N, C-alpha and C. Protein backbone atom coordinates (compact mmCIF):
# COMPACT_ATOMS: atom_id res chain seq x y z
N MET A 1 59.15 107.47 170.79
CA MET A 1 58.78 107.11 169.05
C MET A 1 58.71 108.66 168.21
N ALA A 2 59.44 109.16 167.66
CA ALA A 2 59.58 109.90 166.48
C ALA A 2 58.47 110.40 165.84
N GLU A 3 58.10 111.38 165.90
CA GLU A 3 57.06 112.20 165.35
C GLU A 3 57.23 111.76 163.75
N ALA A 4 55.75 111.66 163.28
CA ALA A 4 55.46 111.25 162.07
C ALA A 4 54.97 112.22 161.40
N PRO A 5 55.36 112.66 159.83
CA PRO A 5 55.21 113.62 159.35
C PRO A 5 53.19 113.72 158.95
N ARG A 6 52.79 114.61 159.06
CA ARG A 6 51.16 114.84 158.43
C ARG A 6 51.25 114.12 156.94
N PRO A 7 49.74 113.29 156.71
CA PRO A 7 48.74 112.51 157.56
C PRO A 7 49.27 111.77 158.39
N LEU A 8 50.46 111.31 157.91
CA LEU A 8 50.69 109.97 159.04
C LEU A 8 50.57 110.06 160.50
N GLY A 9 51.11 111.65 160.74
CA GLY A 9 50.97 111.59 162.30
C GLY A 9 49.33 112.05 162.82
N ALA A 10 48.36 112.29 161.85
CA ALA A 10 47.21 112.62 162.53
C ALA A 10 46.55 111.23 162.13
N ALA A 11 47.25 110.44 161.30
CA ALA A 11 46.62 108.82 161.52
C ALA A 11 47.04 108.15 162.44
N LEU A 12 48.01 108.04 162.95
CA LEU A 12 48.69 107.64 163.95
C LEU A 12 48.08 108.17 165.33
N ALA A 13 48.06 109.33 165.71
CA ALA A 13 47.36 110.06 167.20
C ALA A 13 45.63 109.67 166.48
N ALA A 14 45.20 108.89 165.41
CA ALA A 14 43.77 108.99 165.94
C ALA A 14 43.66 107.39 166.34
N LEU A 15 44.50 106.37 166.34
CA LEU A 15 44.28 105.15 167.31
C LEU A 15 44.54 105.03 168.02
N GLY A 16 44.78 106.69 169.25
CA GLY A 16 44.90 106.01 170.63
C GLY A 16 45.89 106.87 171.26
N ALA A 17 45.81 107.30 172.38
CA ALA A 17 46.65 107.64 173.20
C ALA A 17 47.60 107.34 173.17
N PRO A 18 48.72 108.59 172.40
CA PRO A 18 50.42 107.90 172.26
C PRO A 18 51.09 107.27 172.91
N ARG A 19 51.02 107.12 174.60
CA ARG A 19 51.17 106.32 175.34
C ARG A 19 51.17 104.86 175.07
N LYS A 20 49.78 104.70 174.68
CA LYS A 20 49.24 103.81 174.63
C LYS A 20 49.49 102.60 173.71
N VAL A 21 49.54 103.76 172.47
CA VAL A 21 50.23 103.16 170.86
C VAL A 21 51.66 103.43 170.97
N ALA A 22 52.09 104.14 171.09
CA ALA A 22 53.69 103.40 171.95
C ALA A 22 54.13 102.38 171.90
N ALA A 23 53.20 101.82 173.18
CA ALA A 23 53.61 100.53 174.38
C ALA A 23 53.38 99.51 173.65
N ILE A 24 52.76 99.24 172.21
CA ILE A 24 52.69 98.31 171.61
C ILE A 24 53.99 97.00 170.88
N ARG A 25 53.92 96.48 171.01
CA ARG A 25 54.92 95.75 170.46
C ARG A 25 54.97 94.73 169.63
N SER A 26 53.78 94.34 169.30
CA SER A 26 53.22 92.78 168.70
C SER A 26 51.82 92.74 169.00
N VAL A 27 51.11 92.53 167.81
CA VAL A 27 49.79 92.53 167.19
C VAL A 27 49.59 90.82 166.72
N ARG A 28 48.80 90.04 167.49
CA ARG A 28 48.71 88.92 167.20
C ARG A 28 46.80 88.90 166.88
N SER A 29 46.63 88.25 165.19
CA SER A 29 45.44 88.52 164.78
C SER A 29 44.97 87.09 164.09
N SER A 30 43.45 87.20 164.29
CA SER A 30 43.51 86.04 163.13
C SER A 30 41.96 86.04 162.55
N ALA A 31 41.65 85.44 161.66
CA ALA A 31 40.93 85.55 160.68
C ALA A 31 39.78 84.64 160.08
N SER A 32 38.65 84.27 160.10
CA SER A 32 38.28 83.60 159.09
C SER A 32 38.02 84.44 157.58
N CYS A 33 37.90 83.45 156.76
CA CYS A 33 38.33 84.80 155.53
C CYS A 33 37.47 84.21 154.30
N ALA A 34 37.48 84.83 153.24
CA ALA A 34 36.50 84.07 151.83
C ALA A 34 37.48 85.10 150.83
N GLY A 35 37.29 84.08 149.87
CA GLY A 35 37.67 84.70 148.74
C GLY A 35 37.55 84.13 147.42
N PRO A 36 37.34 84.83 146.09
CA PRO A 36 37.49 83.56 144.82
C PRO A 36 38.03 82.35 144.59
N ARG A 37 39.07 81.54 146.10
CA ARG A 37 39.27 80.26 145.99
C ARG A 37 39.00 79.40 147.03
N GLY A 38 37.58 80.56 147.83
CA GLY A 38 36.50 79.50 148.93
C GLY A 38 37.07 80.06 149.95
N PRO A 39 36.72 79.26 151.40
CA PRO A 39 37.08 79.88 152.65
C PRO A 39 38.66 79.34 152.89
N TYR A 40 38.88 80.02 153.87
CA TYR A 40 40.46 79.95 154.16
C TYR A 40 40.45 80.49 155.60
N SER A 41 41.64 80.52 156.59
CA SER A 41 41.86 81.34 157.44
C SER A 41 43.28 81.34 157.48
N THR A 42 43.45 82.78 158.38
CA THR A 42 44.71 83.13 158.34
C THR A 42 44.74 83.93 159.79
N LEU A 43 46.27 83.66 160.16
CA LEU A 43 46.99 83.96 161.41
C LEU A 43 47.87 85.13 161.09
N ILE A 44 47.91 86.19 161.90
CA ILE A 44 49.29 87.11 161.81
C ILE A 44 50.00 87.23 162.68
N GLU A 45 50.97 87.26 163.29
CA GLU A 45 51.46 87.49 164.37
C GLU A 45 52.84 88.87 164.31
N SER A 46 52.82 89.68 164.22
CA SER A 46 53.42 91.19 163.98
C SER A 46 54.27 91.70 165.25
N GLU A 47 55.26 92.18 164.52
CA GLU A 47 56.06 92.50 166.13
C GLU A 47 57.13 93.70 165.23
N ARG A 48 57.22 94.97 165.96
CA ARG A 48 57.72 95.85 165.43
C ARG A 48 59.38 95.11 165.04
N GLY A 49 59.84 96.10 164.75
CA GLY A 49 61.19 95.57 164.23
C GLY A 49 60.87 94.47 162.64
N ASP A 50 60.45 94.76 162.17
CA ASP A 50 59.88 93.87 160.61
C ASP A 50 60.09 92.38 161.02
N ARG A 51 59.62 91.93 162.15
CA ARG A 51 58.92 90.62 162.58
C ARG A 51 58.05 89.94 162.25
N LEU A 52 57.61 88.77 161.34
CA LEU A 52 57.00 88.67 161.16
C LEU A 52 56.19 87.19 161.00
N ARG A 53 55.28 86.67 161.98
CA ARG A 53 54.78 85.22 161.16
C ARG A 53 53.51 85.13 160.83
N PHE A 54 53.42 85.06 159.46
CA PHE A 54 51.97 84.38 158.67
C PHE A 54 51.67 83.65 158.37
N SER A 55 50.48 83.00 158.55
CA SER A 55 50.08 81.55 158.13
C SER A 55 48.56 81.87 157.46
N GLN A 56 48.45 80.73 156.39
CA GLN A 56 46.91 80.37 156.00
C GLN A 56 46.76 79.29 155.59
N HIS A 57 45.71 78.65 155.89
CA HIS A 57 45.09 77.39 155.53
C HIS A 57 43.63 77.45 155.72
N TRP A 58 43.73 76.42 154.27
CA TRP A 58 42.59 75.98 153.39
C TRP A 58 41.72 74.78 153.97
N PRO A 59 40.59 74.55 153.68
CA PRO A 59 40.32 73.14 154.05
C PRO A 59 40.64 72.23 153.77
N ASP A 60 41.34 72.25 152.37
CA ASP A 60 41.61 71.02 151.80
C ASP A 60 43.10 70.26 151.93
N GLY A 61 43.63 71.33 153.18
CA GLY A 61 44.92 70.51 153.86
C GLY A 61 45.78 71.70 153.22
N ARG A 62 45.87 72.60 151.95
CA ARG A 62 47.14 73.54 152.02
C ARG A 62 47.13 74.68 152.87
N SER A 63 48.46 75.12 152.75
CA SER A 63 48.68 75.89 153.69
C SER A 63 49.95 76.74 153.10
N PHE A 64 50.31 78.34 153.83
CA PHE A 64 51.35 78.66 153.57
C PHE A 64 51.22 79.26 154.24
N ILE A 65 52.87 79.55 154.81
CA ILE A 65 53.37 79.92 155.70
C ILE A 65 54.53 80.57 155.44
N ALA A 66 54.98 81.85 156.35
CA ALA A 66 55.62 82.91 156.24
C ALA A 66 56.28 83.50 157.18
N GLN A 67 57.80 83.84 157.24
CA GLN A 67 58.82 84.54 158.30
C GLN A 67 59.05 85.00 158.07
N ILE A 68 59.21 86.36 158.73
CA ILE A 68 60.27 87.62 158.16
C ILE A 68 60.81 87.89 159.21
N ASP A 69 62.18 88.52 159.85
CA ASP A 69 63.16 88.92 160.42
C ASP A 69 64.37 89.84 159.49
N GLY A 70 63.27 90.72 160.09
CA GLY A 70 64.06 92.33 158.94
C GLY A 70 64.20 92.44 157.29
N GLN A 71 65.35 92.05 156.68
CA GLN A 71 65.03 91.79 155.51
C GLN A 71 65.11 90.67 154.77
N GLN A 72 64.79 90.14 155.70
CA GLN A 72 65.00 87.88 155.62
C GLN A 72 63.65 87.74 155.45
N ALA A 73 63.31 86.86 154.79
CA ALA A 73 61.94 86.28 154.65
C ALA A 73 62.16 85.30 153.77
N TRP A 74 61.13 84.16 154.30
CA TRP A 74 61.11 82.33 153.94
C TRP A 74 60.00 82.18 154.25
N SER A 75 59.77 81.09 153.25
CA SER A 75 57.83 80.20 153.58
C SER A 75 58.73 79.00 154.07
N VAL A 76 57.81 78.51 154.92
CA VAL A 76 57.99 77.23 155.46
C VAL A 76 56.99 75.94 155.22
N ASP A 77 57.84 75.09 154.88
CA ASP A 77 56.72 74.07 154.51
C ASP A 77 56.43 73.41 155.94
N GLU A 78 55.10 72.58 155.90
CA GLU A 78 54.61 72.82 157.32
C GLU A 78 54.76 71.23 157.38
N GLN A 79 54.66 70.64 156.68
CA GLN A 79 55.43 68.90 156.79
C GLN A 79 56.97 69.11 157.21
N SER A 80 57.76 69.04 156.09
CA SER A 80 59.11 69.02 156.15
C SER A 80 59.88 70.03 157.38
N GLY A 81 59.21 70.95 157.01
CA GLY A 81 60.18 72.35 158.27
C GLY A 81 60.95 72.73 157.37
N GLU A 82 60.96 72.61 155.57
CA GLU A 82 62.11 73.30 154.59
C GLU A 82 61.93 74.52 154.72
N ARG A 83 62.62 75.32 154.34
CA ARG A 83 62.62 76.90 154.05
C ARG A 83 62.82 77.19 152.63
N GLN A 84 62.39 78.15 152.67
CA GLN A 84 62.77 78.98 151.36
C GLN A 84 62.24 79.90 150.96
N LEU A 85 63.93 80.44 150.47
CA LEU A 85 63.99 82.39 151.04
C LEU A 85 62.87 82.94 149.95
N LEU A 86 62.14 83.71 150.04
CA LEU A 86 61.48 84.77 149.40
C LEU A 86 61.68 85.69 148.92
N THR A 87 61.36 86.76 147.37
CA THR A 87 61.78 87.71 146.88
C THR A 87 61.34 88.38 147.73
N ALA A 88 62.67 89.88 147.47
CA ALA A 88 61.96 91.15 148.15
C ALA A 88 60.28 91.61 147.59
N GLU A 89 59.93 90.87 146.43
CA GLU A 89 58.54 92.14 146.21
C GLU A 89 57.18 90.12 146.61
N ALA A 90 57.80 89.41 147.36
CA ALA A 90 57.19 88.91 147.94
C ALA A 90 56.78 88.83 149.70
N ARG A 91 58.30 89.66 150.07
CA ARG A 91 58.74 89.71 150.98
C ARG A 91 57.39 91.37 151.08
N ALA A 92 57.45 91.63 150.74
CA ALA A 92 56.41 93.28 151.03
C ALA A 92 55.12 92.42 150.50
N GLY A 93 54.63 91.92 149.07
CA GLY A 93 53.46 91.06 149.72
C GLY A 93 52.95 90.49 151.11
N VAL A 94 53.20 89.78 151.54
CA VAL A 94 52.88 89.16 152.87
C VAL A 94 52.91 90.78 153.61
N ARG A 95 54.08 91.43 153.92
CA ARG A 95 53.57 92.51 154.74
C ARG A 95 52.66 93.29 154.57
N THR A 96 52.30 93.28 153.57
CA THR A 96 50.96 94.02 153.01
C THR A 96 50.01 93.13 153.64
N HIS A 97 49.60 92.10 154.36
CA HIS A 97 48.72 92.03 155.39
C HIS A 97 48.75 91.81 156.69
N GLU A 98 49.72 93.12 157.17
CA GLU A 98 49.94 93.52 158.45
C GLU A 98 48.40 94.54 158.61
N PHE A 99 47.29 93.93 158.80
CA PHE A 99 46.51 95.23 159.16
C PHE A 99 46.37 95.95 160.51
N GLN A 100 46.53 95.00 161.43
CA GLN A 100 46.69 95.99 162.48
C GLN A 100 47.60 96.56 162.85
N LEU A 101 49.14 96.08 162.32
CA LEU A 101 50.27 96.69 162.86
C LEU A 101 50.64 97.73 161.85
N LEU A 102 50.20 98.08 160.60
CA LEU A 102 50.05 98.51 159.44
C LEU A 102 50.03 100.56 160.02
N PRO A 103 49.07 100.32 160.43
CA PRO A 103 48.70 101.60 160.52
C PRO A 103 49.44 102.35 161.79
N ILE A 104 49.62 101.57 162.12
CA ILE A 104 51.07 102.18 164.08
C ILE A 104 52.18 102.12 163.29
N VAL A 105 52.89 101.78 162.12
CA VAL A 105 54.26 102.18 161.73
C VAL A 105 54.15 102.38 160.24
N LEU A 106 53.25 103.04 160.02
CA LEU A 106 52.68 103.60 158.57
C LEU A 106 54.02 104.46 158.02
N ALA A 107 54.51 104.95 159.00
CA ALA A 107 55.07 106.18 158.51
C ALA A 107 57.01 105.73 158.13
N GLU A 108 57.09 104.16 158.60
CA GLU A 108 58.12 103.23 158.10
C GLU A 108 58.22 102.86 157.43
N ARG A 109 56.60 102.22 156.57
CA ARG A 109 56.51 101.88 155.22
C ARG A 109 56.75 102.58 153.65
N TYR A 110 55.99 104.02 154.46
CA TYR A 110 55.53 104.54 153.15
C TYR A 110 56.06 106.07 153.37
N SER A 111 56.45 106.93 152.38
CA SER A 111 57.38 108.15 152.14
C SER A 111 56.80 108.63 150.94
N ASP A 112 57.46 110.25 151.29
CA ASP A 112 56.81 111.26 149.95
C ASP A 112 55.28 111.39 149.73
N LEU A 113 54.96 111.60 150.79
CA LEU A 113 53.21 111.85 150.38
C LEU A 113 53.15 113.10 149.44
N THR A 114 52.04 113.13 148.87
CA THR A 114 51.36 114.65 148.04
C THR A 114 49.83 113.85 147.92
N ALA A 115 49.23 114.98 148.30
CA ALA A 115 47.88 115.48 148.58
C ALA A 115 47.54 115.02 146.94
N ALA A 116 46.23 113.81 146.53
CA ALA A 116 45.74 113.72 145.64
C ALA A 116 44.13 113.54 145.62
N GLY A 117 43.67 114.43 146.41
CA GLY A 117 42.42 114.78 146.01
C GLY A 117 41.64 114.11 147.10
N THR A 118 40.27 114.21 146.51
CA THR A 118 39.66 112.89 147.75
C THR A 118 39.12 111.93 146.91
N ALA A 119 38.08 111.07 147.75
CA ALA A 119 37.73 109.88 147.24
C ALA A 119 36.55 109.10 147.92
N ASP A 120 35.97 108.56 147.77
CA ASP A 120 34.44 107.55 148.31
C ASP A 120 35.69 106.33 148.77
N LEU A 121 35.26 105.79 149.63
CA LEU A 121 35.62 104.03 149.93
C LEU A 121 34.26 103.64 151.25
N GLY A 122 33.97 103.13 150.31
CA GLY A 122 32.49 102.52 150.93
C GLY A 122 31.48 103.23 151.89
N GLY A 123 31.41 104.52 151.00
CA GLY A 123 30.22 105.75 151.60
C GLY A 123 31.21 106.60 152.17
N ILE A 124 32.69 106.15 152.59
CA ILE A 124 33.30 107.01 153.89
C ILE A 124 33.95 108.12 152.99
N GLU A 125 33.76 109.25 153.01
CA GLU A 125 35.19 110.32 152.67
C GLU A 125 36.25 110.63 153.33
N CYS A 126 37.19 110.20 151.94
CA CYS A 126 38.58 110.33 152.36
C CYS A 126 39.49 111.64 151.69
N ASP A 127 40.54 111.80 152.50
CA ASP A 127 41.40 112.83 151.77
C ASP A 127 42.48 111.57 150.84
N ALA A 128 43.05 111.43 149.75
CA ALA A 128 43.63 110.75 149.13
C ALA A 128 45.13 111.47 148.92
N PHE A 129 46.36 110.30 149.10
CA PHE A 129 47.99 110.69 149.07
C PHE A 129 48.18 109.91 148.13
N ASP A 130 49.10 110.23 147.31
CA ASP A 130 49.92 109.55 146.22
C ASP A 130 51.24 109.22 147.57
N ALA A 131 51.56 107.95 147.68
CA ALA A 131 53.31 108.16 148.16
C ALA A 131 54.28 106.77 147.62
N VAL A 132 55.01 106.63 148.10
CA VAL A 132 56.40 105.67 147.68
C VAL A 132 56.26 104.39 148.66
N ASP A 133 56.11 103.35 148.88
CA ASP A 133 55.94 101.91 149.34
C ASP A 133 57.58 101.67 149.34
N GLU A 134 57.44 100.23 150.66
CA GLU A 134 59.11 100.29 151.01
C GLU A 134 59.76 99.79 149.80
N LEU A 135 59.19 99.22 148.61
CA LEU A 135 60.11 98.95 147.44
C LEU A 135 60.18 100.06 145.87
N GLY A 136 60.17 101.55 146.74
CA GLY A 136 59.99 102.32 145.80
C GLY A 136 58.77 102.57 144.49
N LEU A 137 57.97 101.65 145.00
CA LEU A 137 56.96 101.59 143.94
C LEU A 137 55.57 102.60 144.64
N ALA A 138 55.27 103.33 143.21
CA ALA A 138 54.09 104.03 143.51
C ALA A 138 53.06 103.64 143.95
N CYS A 139 52.25 104.06 144.91
CA CYS A 139 51.10 103.86 145.69
C CYS A 139 49.85 104.62 146.45
N ARG A 140 48.85 104.70 147.02
CA ARG A 140 47.83 105.69 147.42
C ARG A 140 47.45 105.10 148.14
N LEU A 141 47.48 106.43 149.64
CA LEU A 141 46.82 105.75 150.50
C LEU A 141 45.55 106.65 150.69
N TYR A 142 44.62 106.01 151.58
CA TYR A 142 43.50 106.99 152.03
C TYR A 142 43.49 107.21 153.03
N PHE A 143 42.41 108.02 153.76
CA PHE A 143 42.41 108.25 154.81
C PHE A 143 41.03 109.25 155.69
N ASP A 144 40.41 108.72 156.46
CA ASP A 144 39.10 109.06 156.73
C ASP A 144 39.37 110.48 156.63
N ARG A 145 38.34 111.74 156.37
CA ARG A 145 38.58 113.07 156.47
C ARG A 145 38.04 113.39 157.88
N ALA A 146 36.75 112.93 158.38
CA ALA A 146 36.15 112.89 159.96
C ALA A 146 37.05 112.44 161.13
N THR A 147 37.84 111.34 160.48
CA THR A 147 38.56 110.46 161.63
C THR A 147 40.16 110.67 161.77
N SER A 148 40.50 111.15 160.14
CA SER A 148 42.22 110.68 159.98
C SER A 148 42.61 108.78 160.32
N LEU A 149 41.44 108.31 160.55
CA LEU A 149 42.06 106.63 160.13
C LEU A 149 42.19 106.55 159.15
N LEU A 150 43.37 105.32 159.05
CA LEU A 150 43.74 104.82 157.46
C LEU A 150 42.70 104.13 157.14
N ARG A 151 41.97 104.32 156.06
CA ARG A 151 40.79 103.60 155.54
C ARG A 151 41.46 102.57 154.24
N GLY A 152 42.02 103.02 153.50
CA GLY A 152 42.92 102.06 152.54
C GLY A 152 43.90 102.63 151.69
N LEU A 153 44.21 101.26 150.93
CA LEU A 153 45.75 101.50 150.31
C LEU A 153 45.14 100.92 148.65
N ASP A 154 46.31 101.54 147.70
CA ASP A 154 46.23 100.96 146.70
C ASP A 154 47.69 100.80 146.37
N VAL A 155 48.05 99.71 146.42
CA VAL A 155 49.72 99.35 146.13
C VAL A 155 49.45 98.41 144.79
N THR A 156 50.78 98.39 144.31
CA THR A 156 51.13 97.47 143.63
C THR A 156 51.00 95.33 143.84
N ASN A 157 50.33 94.67 143.00
CA ASN A 157 50.18 93.67 143.52
C ASN A 157 51.44 93.08 143.16
N TYR A 158 52.45 92.78 144.15
CA TYR A 158 53.55 92.54 144.21
C TYR A 158 53.66 90.64 143.63
N TYR A 159 53.03 89.88 143.43
CA TYR A 159 52.85 88.93 142.88
C TYR A 159 52.54 89.05 141.48
N GLU A 160 51.96 89.86 141.49
CA GLU A 160 51.91 90.07 139.68
C GLU A 160 51.72 91.32 139.25
N PRO A 161 52.62 91.95 138.73
CA PRO A 161 53.09 93.57 138.64
C PRO A 161 52.38 93.79 137.86
N ASP A 162 51.67 93.70 137.06
CA ASP A 162 50.77 94.39 135.77
C ASP A 162 49.36 94.42 136.93
N ASP A 163 49.20 93.67 137.87
CA ASP A 163 48.15 94.28 138.81
C ASP A 163 47.68 94.89 139.62
N ARG A 164 46.96 95.36 140.41
CA ARG A 164 47.14 96.29 141.44
C ARG A 164 46.16 95.58 142.82
N VAL A 165 46.45 95.64 143.89
CA VAL A 165 45.50 95.08 145.36
C VAL A 165 45.21 96.71 145.77
N ALA A 166 43.44 96.87 145.65
CA ALA A 166 43.20 98.13 147.21
C ALA A 166 42.31 97.33 148.04
N VAL A 167 43.30 98.03 148.83
CA VAL A 167 43.00 97.27 150.80
C VAL A 167 42.00 98.30 151.05
N ARG A 168 40.73 97.78 151.92
CA ARG A 168 40.15 98.69 153.06
C ARG A 168 39.96 98.37 153.94
N LEU A 169 39.99 98.97 154.97
CA LEU A 169 40.21 98.86 156.32
C LEU A 169 38.87 99.01 157.00
N ASP A 170 37.44 98.29 158.01
CA ASP A 170 36.88 98.42 158.28
C ASP A 170 36.63 98.09 159.95
N ASP A 171 35.32 98.52 160.34
CA ASP A 171 35.25 98.41 161.77
C ASP A 171 36.13 97.97 162.46
N TRP A 172 36.90 99.47 162.39
CA TRP A 172 37.27 99.88 163.59
C TRP A 172 36.77 99.90 165.10
N ARG A 173 37.39 99.01 166.15
CA ARG A 173 37.31 99.05 167.44
C ARG A 173 38.52 99.25 168.33
N PRO A 174 38.16 99.21 169.14
CA PRO A 174 39.43 99.74 170.44
C PRO A 174 39.58 98.21 171.39
N VAL A 175 40.83 97.99 171.35
CA VAL A 175 41.35 97.20 171.93
C VAL A 175 42.72 97.43 173.25
N ALA A 176 42.05 97.48 174.47
CA ALA A 176 43.43 98.00 175.66
C ALA A 176 43.90 99.49 175.27
N GLY A 177 42.13 99.70 174.95
CA GLY A 177 42.62 101.84 174.57
C GLY A 177 42.89 102.15 173.33
N VAL A 178 43.17 100.75 172.39
CA VAL A 178 43.78 101.48 170.66
C VAL A 178 42.82 101.35 169.56
N LEU A 179 42.64 101.45 168.47
CA LEU A 179 41.89 101.57 167.56
C LEU A 179 42.24 100.62 166.57
N PHE A 180 41.45 99.37 166.63
CA PHE A 180 42.27 98.33 165.53
C PHE A 180 41.14 97.83 164.51
N ALA A 181 41.47 97.80 163.09
CA ALA A 181 40.36 97.23 161.88
C ALA A 181 40.31 95.81 162.46
N TRP A 182 38.94 95.66 162.27
CA TRP A 182 38.49 94.50 162.58
C TRP A 182 38.03 93.00 161.41
N ARG A 183 38.47 94.18 160.43
CA ARG A 183 37.26 94.08 159.15
C ARG A 183 38.74 94.56 157.54
N ALA A 184 38.78 93.59 156.99
CA ALA A 184 40.01 93.97 155.71
C ALA A 184 39.12 93.21 154.63
N VAL A 185 39.69 93.96 153.46
CA VAL A 185 38.69 93.31 151.83
C VAL A 185 40.18 93.97 151.06
N ALA A 186 40.47 92.73 150.84
CA ALA A 186 41.74 93.01 149.10
C ALA A 186 41.28 92.56 147.92
N SER A 187 41.35 93.65 147.38
CA SER A 187 40.93 93.29 146.20
C SER A 187 41.39 93.42 145.08
N ASP A 188 41.89 92.67 144.37
CA ASP A 188 42.52 92.28 142.77
C ASP A 188 41.78 91.70 141.46
N ARG A 189 42.37 91.46 140.72
CA ARG A 189 41.63 91.32 139.28
C ARG A 189 41.21 89.73 139.61
N LEU A 190 41.44 89.03 140.64
CA LEU A 190 40.52 87.76 140.82
C LEU A 190 39.15 88.25 141.36
N GLY A 191 39.27 89.36 142.49
CA GLY A 191 38.00 89.56 142.99
C GLY A 191 38.08 89.96 144.23
N ASP A 192 37.36 89.73 145.09
CA ASP A 192 37.53 90.30 146.97
C ASP A 192 37.58 88.89 147.55
N TRP A 193 39.27 89.53 148.46
CA TRP A 193 39.43 88.82 149.67
C TRP A 193 39.01 89.15 151.00
N VAL A 194 38.21 88.53 151.84
CA VAL A 194 37.20 89.32 152.92
C VAL A 194 38.23 88.63 154.23
N PHE A 195 38.94 89.69 154.95
CA PHE A 195 39.14 88.89 156.26
C PHE A 195 38.00 89.67 157.24
N GLU A 196 37.54 88.62 158.14
CA GLU A 196 36.66 88.88 158.93
C GLU A 196 37.71 88.46 160.52
N PHE A 197 37.79 89.43 161.32
CA PHE A 197 39.10 89.17 162.30
C PHE A 197 38.05 88.57 163.68
N GLU A 198 38.48 87.40 163.95
CA GLU A 198 38.00 86.87 165.28
C GLU A 198 38.84 87.12 166.69
N GLU A 199 40.06 87.70 166.60
CA GLU A 199 41.12 87.90 167.69
C GLU A 199 41.82 89.20 166.96
N VAL A 200 41.88 90.02 167.87
CA VAL A 200 43.15 91.25 167.51
C VAL A 200 43.60 91.17 169.27
N ALA A 201 44.74 91.04 169.12
CA ALA A 201 45.29 90.85 170.33
C ALA A 201 46.78 91.35 170.40
N PRO A 202 46.97 93.03 171.10
CA PRO A 202 47.89 93.43 171.01
C PRO A 202 49.06 93.07 172.51
N SER A 203 50.13 93.48 172.25
CA SER A 203 50.64 93.14 173.57
C SER A 203 52.13 94.06 173.53
N SER A 204 52.78 94.43 175.16
CA SER A 204 53.30 95.74 175.02
C SER A 204 54.84 94.95 175.25
């Protein structure tokens, strides 16, 4: 694994022993969720190499299923199996949900970090850094001053460019010797979207 620049390197090192972190090839995670439109569930199957299967299901039978393979991304109709290509913005929006893999591949997604002072995220003092995302858009990353863990992001709402999304990662727990966030909150103009993870399963 190539060495990541600081503070990205420090955030990566905070996850666990380099050998164990580098060995992770994929992460499957499932969450019970609550948001402004009610409860739903989310399944995230992330793989290195920019591969992802993402699905969300609502109690009324609605669903959203997306797959990403490199730069190609598409949604899948659960009944017909019909595919529809996703825009680069929609692809980036789906990838923002990779709450477990994202801290591992952070240096692949964000660049040009510059210090932006400190901030309080839910009572946790963080170092803030302005950065550029994979679409070249401005964003901000927050790292726990005490542990160096990634605690949050402030990114463009890729579905509504005039809006922003603040993501907070909490309840970090070890699985097979590597720390993962077991709770995520994404806040936009509609309110808070809360992900309470019931399964986090990394694979080598």
